[in-house]
């Protein structure tokens, strides 16, 4: 049962990450040489940090349940 919950959370995360990726939408009022928006930079680092945070939270939850 626990593995099913972890897999469900993993796949839901993958689906939500695929929807968050930036898209190039032409803007009629934008200058031709616009600077990159913050979401376009360091997305890989943000996903890595989210993965590490998730692993730490799962590990702490398992340790807490084992001690009870």
C-alpha atoms as a PDB file:
ATOM      1  CA  UNK A   1       0.000   0.000   0.000  1.00  0.00           C
ATOM      2  CA  UNK A   2       2.833   2.413   0.829  1.00  0.00           C
ATOM      3  CA  UNK A   3       4.541   1.807  -2.499  1.00  0.00           C
ATOM      4  CA  UNK A   4       1.303   2.587  -4.350  1.00  0.00           C
ATOM      5  CA  UNK A   5       1.022   5.921  -2.542  1.00  0.00           C
ATOM      6  CA  UNK A   6       4.627   6.819  -3.336  1.00  0.00           C
ATOM      7  CA  UNK A   7       4.179   5.913  -7.003  1.00  0.00           C
ATOM      8  CA  UNK A   8       0.943   7.894  -7.182  1.00  0.00           C
ATOM      9  CA  UNK A   9       2.657  10.950  -5.716  1.00  0.00           C
ATOM     10  CA  UNK A  10       5.583  10.516  -8.124  1.00  0.00           C
ATOM     11  CA  UNK A  11       3.380  10.344 -11.221  1.00  0.00           C
ATOM     12  CA  UNK A  12       1.214  13.251 -10.088  1.00  0.00           C
ATOM     13  CA  UNK A  13       4.392  15.279  -9.635  1.00  0.00           C
ATOM     14  CA  UNK A  14       5.562  14.380 -13.128  1.00  0.00           C
ATOM     15  CA  UNK A  15       2.235  15.443 -14.611  1.00  0.00           C
ATOM     16  CA  UNK A  16       2.272  18.771 -12.773  1.00  0.00           C
ATOM     17  CA  UNK A  17       5.895  19.481 -13.746  1.00  0.00           C
ATOM     18  CA  UNK A  18       5.130  18.908 -17.424  1.00  0.00           C
ATOM     19  CA  UNK A  19       2.390  21.559 -17.225  1.00  0.00           C
ATOM     20  CA  UNK A  20       4.653  24.104 -15.534  1.00  0.00           C
ATOM     21  CA  UNK A  21       7.287  24.196 -18.264  1.00  0.00           C
ATOM     22  CA  UNK A  22       7.393  27.592 -20.010  1.00  0.00           C
ATOM     23  CA  UNK A  23       6.051  27.995 -23.500  1.00  0.00           C
ATOM     24  CA  UNK A  24       7.079  30.478 -26.144  1.00  0.00           C
ATOM     25  CA  UNK A  25       3.995  32.559 -26.827  1.00  0.00           C
ATOM     26  CA  UNK A  26       4.384  35.427 -29.281  1.00  0.00           C
ATOM     27  CA  UNK A  27       3.550  38.734 -27.684  1.00  0.00           C
ATOM     28  CA  UNK A  28       2.500  41.597 -29.988  1.00  0.00           C
ATOM     29  CA  UNK A  29       3.702  44.314 -27.574  1.00  0.00           C
ATOM     30  CA  UNK A  30       6.974  42.653 -26.474  1.00  0.00           C
ATOM     31  CA  UNK A  31      10.315  43.975 -27.724  1.00  0.00           C
ATOM     32  CA  UNK A  32      12.209  41.561 -30.013  1.00  0.00           C
ATOM     33  CA  UNK A  33      15.173  41.107 -27.619  1.00  0.00           C
ATOM     34  CA  UNK A  34      13.324  40.553 -24.365  1.00  0.00           C
ATOM     35  CA  UNK A  35      15.295  39.203 -21.378  1.00  0.00           C
ATOM     36  CA  UNK A  36      14.551  35.723 -20.058  1.00  0.00           C
ATOM     37  CA  UNK A  37      11.855  35.497 -17.441  1.00  0.00           C
ATOM     38  CA  UNK A  38      12.752  33.957 -14.037  1.00  0.00           C
ATOM     39  CA  UNK A  39      10.789  30.735 -14.730  1.00  0.00           C
ATOM     40  CA  UNK A  40      13.011  30.082 -17.762  1.00  0.00           C
ATOM     41  CA  UNK A  41      16.174  30.015 -15.669  1.00  0.00           C
ATOM     42  CA  UNK A  42      17.313  27.301 -13.265  1.00  0.00           C
ATOM     43  CA  UNK A  43      14.231  25.086 -13.632  1.00  0.00           C
ATOM     44  CA  UNK A  44      16.468  22.013 -13.306  1.00  0.00           C
ATOM     45  CA  UNK A  45      17.770  23.235  -9.939  1.00  0.00           C
ATOM     46  CA  UNK A  46      14.240  23.863  -8.692  1.00  0.00           C
ATOM     47  CA  UNK A  47      13.144  20.352  -9.672  1.00  0.00           C
ATOM     48  CA  UNK A  48      16.239  18.870  -7.994  1.00  0.00           C
ATOM     49  CA  UNK A  49      15.547  20.813  -4.806  1.00  0.00           C
ATOM     50  CA  UNK A  50      11.923  19.613  -4.821  1.00  0.00           C
ATOM     51  CA  UNK A  51      13.088  16.017  -5.251  1.00  0.00           C
ATOM     52  CA  UNK A  52      15.563  16.303  -2.358  1.00  0.00           C
ATOM     53  CA  UNK A  53      12.917  17.913  -0.159  1.00  0.00           C
ATOM     54  CA  UNK A  54      10.456  15.128  -0.968  1.00  0.00           C
ATOM     55  CA  UNK A  55      12.996  12.411  -0.168  1.00  0.00           C
ATOM     56  CA  UNK A  56      13.881  14.073   3.146  1.00  0.00           C
ATOM     57  CA  UNK A  57      10.225  14.392   4.126  1.00  0.00           C
ATOM     58  CA  UNK A  58       9.513  10.735   3.289  1.00  0.00           C
ATOM     59  CA  UNK A  59      12.623   9.633   5.221  1.00  0.00           C
ATOM     60  CA  UNK A  60      11.664  11.681   8.293  1.00  0.00           C
ATOM     61  CA  UNK A  61       8.123  10.302   8.159  1.00  0.00           C
ATOM     62  CA  UNK A  62       9.427   6.715   8.049  1.00  0.00           C
ATOM     63  CA  UNK A  63      11.792   7.365  10.982  1.00  0.00           C
ATOM     64  CA  UNK A  64       8.951   8.904  13.000  1.00  0.00           C
ATOM     65  CA  UNK A  65       6.631   5.936  12.351  1.00  0.00           C
ATOM     66  CA  UNK A  66       9.389   3.425  13.207  1.00  0.00           C
ATOM     67  CA  UNK A  67      10.003   5.034  16.600  1.00  0.00           C
ATOM     68  CA  UNK A  68       6.329   5.013  17.607  1.00  0.00           C
END
